[in-house]
Amino acid sequence: MPFYHRWTEVATIGAPTLAMPAGFDEAGLPIGLQVIARKHNGFSLMDLAHAWEQQTGFARGTLPGLLTA
């Protein structure tokens, strides 16, 4: 988004949001997804997060060096 205030408009609409891990780049830096659901539909995000974990096994994967040091 071109301006910070445009981003805050999206962030303050009262809709539930979820940030979930998506992996790591070649340098080991984390990559994530931010998902925004419809207002009052937080359970759909929890369902999505659970399905994502079941399919990817991300939480069971290898952690980056910074978290294992």
PDB file of N, CA and C in Angstrom:
ATOM      1  N   MET A   1       0.846  -1.168   0.000  1.00  0.00           N
ATOM      2  CA  MET A   1       0.000   0.000   0.000  1.00  0.00           C
ATOM      3  C   MET A   1       0.893   1.233   0.000  1.00  0.00           C
ATOM      4  N   PRO A   2       0.516   2.249  -0.746  1.00  0.00           N
ATOM      5  CA  PRO A   2       1.419   3.385  -0.939  1.00  0.00           C
ATOM      6  C   PRO A   2       1.646   4.234   0.314  1.00  0.00           C
ATOM      7  N   PHE A   3       0.707   4.250   1.230  1.00  0.00           N
ATOM      8  CA  PHE A   3       0.855   5.116   2.394  1.00  0.00           C
ATOM      9  C   PHE A   3       0.511   4.358   3.664  1.00  0.00           C
ATOM     10  N   TYR A   4       1.163   4.721   4.745  1.00  0.00           N
ATOM     11  CA  TYR A   4       0.938   4.050   6.023  1.00  0.00           C
ATOM     12  C   TYR A   4      -0.516   4.162   6.468  1.00  0.00           C
ATOM     13  N   HIS A   5      -1.126   5.313   6.262  1.00  0.00           N
ATOM     14  CA  HIS A   5      -2.510   5.460   6.715  1.00  0.00           C
ATOM     15  C   HIS A   5      -3.459   4.531   5.968  1.00  0.00           C
ATOM     16  N   ARG A   6      -3.136   4.158   4.738  1.00  0.00           N
ATOM     17  CA  ARG A   6      -3.957   3.190   4.003  1.00  0.00           C
ATOM     18  C   ARG A   6      -3.857   1.820   4.665  1.00  0.00           C
ATOM     19  N   TRP A   7      -2.664   1.464   5.120  1.00  0.00           N
ATOM     20  CA  TRP A   7      -2.484   0.190   5.816  1.00  0.00           C
ATOM     21  C   TRP A   7      -3.271   0.176   7.119  1.00  0.00           C
ATOM     22  N   THR A   8      -3.255   1.286   7.853  1.00  0.00           N
ATOM     23  CA  THR A   8      -3.974   1.312   9.130  1.00  0.00           C
ATOM     24  C   THR A   8      -5.478   1.238   8.924  1.00  0.00           C
ATOM     25  N   GLU A   9      -5.982   1.687   7.790  1.00  0.00           N
ATOM     26  CA  GLU A   9      -7.409   1.532   7.513  1.00  0.00           C
ATOM     27  C   GLU A   9      -7.781   0.061   7.463  1.00  0.00           C
ATOM     28  N   VAL A  10      -6.948  -0.735   6.839  1.00  0.00           N
ATOM     29  CA  VAL A  10      -7.199  -2.173   6.763  1.00  0.00           C
ATOM     30  C   VAL A  10      -7.024  -2.810   8.135  1.00  0.00           C
ATOM     31  N   ALA A  11      -6.023  -2.374   8.866  1.00  0.00           N
ATOM     32  CA  ALA A  11      -5.706  -2.993  10.157  1.00  0.00           C
ATOM     33  C   ALA A  11      -6.711  -2.645  11.244  1.00  0.00           C
ATOM     34  N   THR A  12      -7.513  -1.634  11.036  1.00  0.00           N
ATOM     35  CA  THR A  12      -8.441  -1.213  12.093  1.00  0.00           C
ATOM     36  C   THR A  12      -9.904  -1.441  11.735  1.00  0.00           C
ATOM     37  N   ILE A  13     -10.195  -2.319  10.817  1.00  0.00           N
ATOM     38  CA  ILE A  13     -11.595  -2.553  10.436  1.00  0.00           C
ATOM     39  C   ILE A  13     -12.305  -3.501  11.392  1.00  0.00           C
ATOM     40  N   GLY A  14     -11.597  -4.026  12.372  1.00  0.00           N
ATOM     41  CA  GLY A  14     -12.220  -4.911  13.340  1.00  0.00           C
ATOM     42  C   GLY A  14     -12.323  -6.352  12.879  1.00  0.00           C
ATOM     43  N   ALA A  15     -11.698  -6.675  11.781  1.00  0.00           N
ATOM     44  CA  ALA A  15     -11.727  -8.041  11.285  1.00  0.00           C
ATOM     45  C   ALA A  15     -10.602  -8.845  11.939  1.00  0.00           C
ATOM     46  N   PRO A  16     -10.841 -10.132  12.213  1.00  0.00           N
ATOM     47  CA  PRO A  16      -9.782 -10.954  12.796  1.00  0.00           C
ATOM     48  C   PRO A  16      -8.657 -11.195  11.797  1.00  0.00           C
ATOM     49  N   THR A  17      -7.439 -11.213  12.308  1.00  0.00           N
ATOM     50  CA  THR A  17      -6.277 -11.449  11.457  1.00  0.00           C
ATOM     51  C   THR A  17      -5.423 -12.558  12.042  1.00  0.00           C
ATOM     52  N   LEU A  18      -4.627 -13.158  11.194  1.00  0.00           N
ATOM     53  CA  LEU A  18      -3.753 -14.243  11.608  1.00  0.00           C
ATOM     54  C   LEU A  18      -2.453 -14.126  10.832  1.00  0.00           C
ATOM     55  N   ALA A  19      -1.350 -14.191  11.539  1.00  0.00           N
ATOM     56  CA  ALA A  19      -0.035 -14.251  10.896  1.00  0.00           C
ATOM     57  C   ALA A  19       0.484 -15.670  11.075  1.00  0.00           C
ATOM     58  N   MET A  20       0.825 -16.320   9.977  1.00  0.00           N
ATOM     59  CA  MET A  20       1.291 -17.694  10.061  1.00  0.00           C
ATOM     60  C   MET A  20       2.590 -17.876   9.310  1.00  0.00           C
ATOM     61  N   PRO A  21       3.445 -18.764   9.783  1.00  0.00           N
ATOM     62  CA  PRO A  21       4.721 -18.993   9.135  1.00  0.00           C
ATOM     63  C   PRO A  21       4.534 -19.703   7.797  1.00  0.00           C
ATOM     64  N   ALA A  22       5.390 -19.341   6.845  1.00  0.00           N
ATOM     65  CA  ALA A  22       5.313 -19.971   5.529  1.00  0.00           C
ATOM     66  C   ALA A  22       6.629 -20.594   5.106  1.00  0.00           C
ATOM     67  N   GLY A  23       7.664 -20.425   5.907  1.00  0.00           N
ATOM     68  CA  GLY A  23       8.950 -21.017   5.557  1.00  0.00           C
ATOM     69  C   GLY A  23      10.083 -20.037   5.767  1.00  0.00           C
ATOM     70  N   PHE A  24      11.207 -20.320   5.131  1.00  0.00           N
ATOM     71  CA  PHE A  24      12.398 -19.495   5.240  1.00  0.00           C
ATOM     72  C   PHE A  24      12.996 -19.295   3.856  1.00  0.00           C
ATOM     73  N   ASP A  25      13.612 -18.127   3.655  1.00  0.00           N
ATOM     74  CA  ASP A  25      14.258 -17.889   2.365  1.00  0.00           C
ATOM     75  C   ASP A  25      15.662 -18.497   2.374  1.00  0.00           C
ATOM     76  N   GLU A  26      16.407 -18.275   1.297  1.00  0.00           N
ATOM     77  CA  GLU A  26      17.734 -18.862   1.156  1.00  0.00           C
ATOM     78  C   GLU A  26      18.699 -18.411   2.250  1.00  0.00           C
ATOM     79  N   ALA A  27      18.459 -17.220   2.806  1.00  0.00           N
ATOM     80  CA  ALA A  27      19.329 -16.685   3.857  1.00  0.00           C
ATOM     81  C   ALA A  27      18.869 -17.119   5.253  1.00  0.00           C
ATOM     82  N   GLY A  28      17.798 -17.887   5.319  1.00  0.00           N
ATOM     83  CA  GLY A  28      17.291 -18.343   6.601  1.00  0.00           C
ATOM     84  C   GLY A  28      16.334 -17.381   7.273  1.00  0.00           C
ATOM     85  N   LEU A  29      15.955 -16.321   6.555  1.00  0.00           N
ATOM     86  CA  LEU A  29      15.010 -15.355   7.119  1.00  0.00           C
ATOM     87  C   LEU A  29      13.584 -15.886   7.007  1.00  0.00           C
ATOM     88  N   PRO A  30      12.756 -15.641   8.009  1.00  0.00           N
ATOM     89  CA  PRO A  30      11.402 -16.182   7.987  1.00  0.00           C
ATOM     90  C   PRO A  30      10.504 -15.471   6.981  1.00  0.00           C
ATOM     91  N   ILE A  31       9.601 -16.233   6.414  1.00  0.00           N
ATOM     92  CA  ILE A  31       8.583 -15.717   5.505  1.00  0.00           C
ATOM     93  C   ILE A  31       7.239 -16.046   6.133  1.00  0.00           C
ATOM     94  N   GLY A  32       6.306 -15.101   6.108  1.00  0.00           N
ATOM     95  CA  GLY A  32       5.015 -15.346   6.717  1.00  0.00           C
ATOM     96  C   GLY A  32       3.874 -14.880   5.846  1.00  0.00           C
ATOM     97  N   LEU A  33       2.700 -15.326   6.199  1.00  0.00           N
ATOM     98  CA  LEU A  33       1.466 -14.915   5.539  1.00  0.00           C
ATOM     99  C   LEU A  33       0.599 -14.196   6.555  1.00  0.00           C
ATOM    100  N   GLN A  34      -0.044 -13.135   6.142  1.00  0.00           N
ATOM    101  CA  GLN A  34      -1.019 -12.475   6.995  1.00  0.00           C
ATOM    102  C   GLN A  34      -2.369 -12.629   6.320  1.00  0.00           C
ATOM    103  N   VAL A  35      -3.313 -13.213   7.052  1.00  0.00           N
ATOM    104  CA  VAL A  35      -4.633 -13.494   6.508  1.00  0.00           C
ATOM    105  C   VAL A  35      -5.659 -12.676   7.288  1.00  0.00           C
ATOM    106  N   ILE A  36      -6.588 -12.070   6.577  1.00  0.00           N
ATOM    107  CA  ILE A  36      -7.648 -11.285   7.199  1.00  0.00           C
ATOM    108  C   ILE A  36      -8.977 -11.937   6.847  1.00  0.00           C
ATOM    109  N   ALA A  37      -9.772 -12.214   7.869  1.00  0.00           N
ATOM    110  CA  ALA A  37     -11.085 -12.837   7.652  1.00  0.00           C
ATOM    111  C   ALA A  37     -12.182 -11.779   7.722  1.00  0.00           C
ATOM    112  N   ARG A  38     -13.378 -12.199   7.392  1.00  0.00           N
ATOM    113  CA  ARG A  38     -14.527 -11.315   7.556  1.00  0.00           C
ATOM    114  C   ARG A  38     -14.755 -11.034   9.035  1.00  0.00           C
ATOM    115  N   LYS A  39     -15.375  -9.922   9.315  1.00  0.00           N
ATOM    116  CA  LYS A  39     -15.702  -9.547  10.680  1.00  0.00           C
ATOM    117  C   LYS A  39     -16.482 -10.671  11.375  1.00  0.00           C
ATOM    118  N   HIS A  40     -16.144 -10.932  12.628  1.00  0.00           N
ATOM    119  CA  HIS A  40     -16.808 -11.946  13.445  1.00  0.00           C
ATOM    120  C   HIS A  40     -16.643 -13.355  12.895  1.00  0.00           C
ATOM    121  N   ASN A  41     -15.564 -13.606  12.156  1.00  0.00           N
ATOM    122  CA  ASN A  41     -15.354 -14.923  11.565  1.00  0.00           C
ATOM    123  C   ASN A  41     -13.978 -15.474  11.948  1.00  0.00           C
ATOM    124  N   GLY A  42     -13.599 -15.264  13.207  1.00  0.00           N
ATOM    125  CA  GLY A  42     -12.291 -15.708  13.672  1.00  0.00           C
ATOM    126  C   GLY A  42     -12.110 -17.211  13.665  1.00  0.00           C
ATOM    127  N   PHE A  43     -13.207 -17.956  13.846  1.00  0.00           N
ATOM    128  CA  PHE A  43     -13.080 -19.408  13.843  1.00  0.00           C
ATOM    129  C   PHE A  43     -12.578 -19.926  12.503  1.00  0.00           C
ATOM    130  N   SER A  44     -12.935 -19.251  11.414  1.00  0.00           N
ATOM    131  CA  SER A  44     -12.451 -19.693  10.101  1.00  0.00           C
ATOM    132  C   SER A  44     -10.928 -19.569  10.025  1.00  0.00           C
ATOM    133  N   LEU A  45     -10.378 -18.541  10.670  1.00  0.00           N
ATOM    134  CA  LEU A  45      -8.918 -18.400  10.691  1.00  0.00           C
ATOM    135  C   LEU A  45      -8.260 -19.514  11.492  1.00  0.00           C
ATOM    136  N   MET A  46      -8.868 -19.878  12.606  1.00  0.00           N
ATOM    137  CA  MET A  46      -8.317 -20.962  13.404  1.00  0.00           C
ATOM    138  C   MET A  46      -8.381 -22.282  12.632  1.00  0.00           C
ATOM    139  N   ASP A  47      -9.465 -22.492  11.896  1.00  0.00           N
ATOM    140  CA  ASP A  47      -9.571 -23.681  11.050  1.00  0.00           C
ATOM    141  C   ASP A  47      -8.483 -23.678   9.983  1.00  0.00           C
ATOM    142  N   LEU A  48      -8.265 -22.519   9.375  1.00  0.00           N
ATOM    143  CA  LEU A  48      -7.223 -22.397   8.359  1.00  0.00           C
ATOM    144  C   LEU A  48      -5.847 -22.685   8.950  1.00  0.00           C
ATOM    145  N   ALA A  49      -5.557 -22.110  10.111  1.00  0.00           N
ATOM    146  CA  ALA A  49      -4.259 -22.327  10.748  1.00  0.00           C
ATOM    147  C   ALA A  49      -4.054 -23.801  11.089  1.00  0.00           C
ATOM    148  N   HIS A  50      -5.098 -24.441  11.573  1.00  0.00           N
ATOM    149  CA  HIS A  50      -4.992 -25.864  11.908  1.00  0.00           C
ATOM    150  C   HIS A  50      -4.751 -26.699  10.654  1.00  0.00           C
ATOM    151  N   ALA A  51      -5.500 -26.428   9.602  1.00  0.00           N
ATOM    152  CA  ALA A  51      -5.310 -27.162   8.346  1.00  0.00           C
ATOM    153  C   ALA A  51      -3.916 -26.929   7.782  1.00  0.00           C
ATOM    154  N   TRP A  52      -3.417 -25.684   7.871  1.00  0.00           N
ATOM    155  CA  TRP A  52      -2.073 -25.348   7.388  1.00  0.00           C
ATOM    156  C   TRP A  52      -1.025 -26.171   8.136  1.00  0.00           C
ATOM    157  N   GLU A  53      -1.158 -26.235   9.457  1.00  0.00           N
ATOM    158  CA  GLU A  53      -0.208 -26.998  10.261  1.00  0.00           C
ATOM    159  C   GLU A  53      -0.287 -28.490   9.942  1.00  0.00           C
ATOM    160  N   GLN A  54      -1.489 -29.010   9.768  1.00  0.00           N
ATOM    161  CA  GLN A  54      -1.639 -30.426   9.447  1.00  0.00           C
ATOM    162  C   GLN A  54      -0.993 -30.765   8.107  1.00  0.00           C
ATOM    163  N   GLN A  55      -1.124 -29.880   7.132  1.00  0.00           N
ATOM    164  CA  GLN A  55      -0.563 -30.136   5.800  1.00  0.00           C
ATOM    165  C   GLN A  55       0.936 -29.891   5.713  1.00  0.00           C
ATOM    166  N   THR A  56       1.411 -28.846   6.389  1.00  0.00           N
ATOM    167  CA  THR A  56       2.815 -28.471   6.241  1.00  0.00           C
ATOM    168  C   THR A  56       3.708 -29.049   7.334  1.00  0.00           C
ATOM    169  N   GLY A  57       3.157 -29.300   8.512  1.00  0.00           N
ATOM    170  CA  GLY A  57       3.974 -29.757   9.627  1.00  0.00           C
ATOM    171  C   GLY A  57       5.009 -28.733  10.039  1.00  0.00           C
ATOM    172  N   PHE A  58       4.722 -27.471   9.752  1.00  0.00           N
ATOM    173  CA  PHE A  58       5.717 -26.420   9.949  1.00  0.00           C
ATOM    174  C   PHE A  58       6.233 -26.356  11.385  1.00  0.00           C
ATOM    175  N   ALA A  59       5.360 -26.479  12.364  1.00  0.00           N
ATOM    176  CA  ALA A  59       5.791 -26.375  13.755  1.00  0.00           C
ATOM    177  C   ALA A  59       6.699 -27.530  14.151  1.00  0.00           C
ATOM    178  N   ARG A  60       6.648 -28.614  13.418  1.00  0.00           N
ATOM    179  CA  ARG A  60       7.505 -29.753  13.705  1.00  0.00           C
ATOM    180  C   ARG A  60       8.806 -29.707  12.911  1.00  0.00           C
ATOM    181  N   GLY A  61       8.934 -28.701  12.054  1.00  0.00           N
ATOM    182  CA  GLY A  61      10.091 -28.609  11.181  1.00  0.00           C
ATOM    183  C   GLY A  61      11.329 -28.089  11.888  1.00  0.00           C
ATOM    184  N   THR A  62      12.366 -27.885  11.115  1.00  0.00           N
ATOM    185  CA  THR A  62      13.624 -27.387  11.634  1.00  0.00           C
ATOM    186  C   THR A  62      13.534 -25.898  11.920  1.00  0.00           C
ATOM    187  N   LEU A  63      13.941 -25.503  13.090  1.00  0.00           N
ATOM    188  CA  LEU A  63      13.934 -24.087  13.441  1.00  0.00           C
ATOM    189  C   LEU A  63      15.216 -23.427  12.958  1.00  0.00           C
ATOM    190  N   PRO A  64      15.160 -22.133  12.662  1.00  0.00           N
ATOM    191  CA  PRO A  64      16.369 -21.433  12.228  1.00  0.00           C
ATOM    192  C   PRO A  64      17.377 -21.352  13.371  1.00  0.00           C
ATOM    193  N   GLY A  65      18.642 -21.147  13.032  1.00  0.00           N
ATOM    194  CA  GLY A  65      19.719 -21.113  14.009  1.00  0.00           C
ATOM    195  C   GLY A  65      19.509 -20.167  15.165  1.00  0.00           C
ATOM    196  N   LEU A  66      18.904 -19.036  14.889  1.00  0.00           N
ATOM    197  CA  LEU A  66      18.669 -18.045  15.938  1.00  0.00           C
ATOM    198  C   LEU A  66      17.802 -18.594  17.056  1.00  0.00           C
ATOM    199  N   LEU A  67      16.862 -19.461  16.724  1.00  0.00           N
ATOM    200  CA  LEU A  67      15.958 -20.002  17.734  1.00  0.00           C
ATOM    201  C   LEU A  67      16.511 -21.241  18.417  1.00  0.00           C
ATOM    202  N   THR A  68      17.547 -21.829  17.866  1.00  0.00           N
ATOM    203  CA  THR A  68      18.117 -23.022  18.472  1.00  0.00           C
ATOM    204  C   THR A  68      19.429 -22.765  19.186  1.00  0.00           C
ATOM    205  N   ALA A  69      19.919 -21.540  19.101  1.00  0.00           N
ATOM    206  CA  ALA A  69      21.220 -21.221  19.722  1.00  0.00           C
ATOM    207  C   ALA A  69      21.098 -21.067  21.218  1.00  0.00           C
TER     208      ALA A  69
END
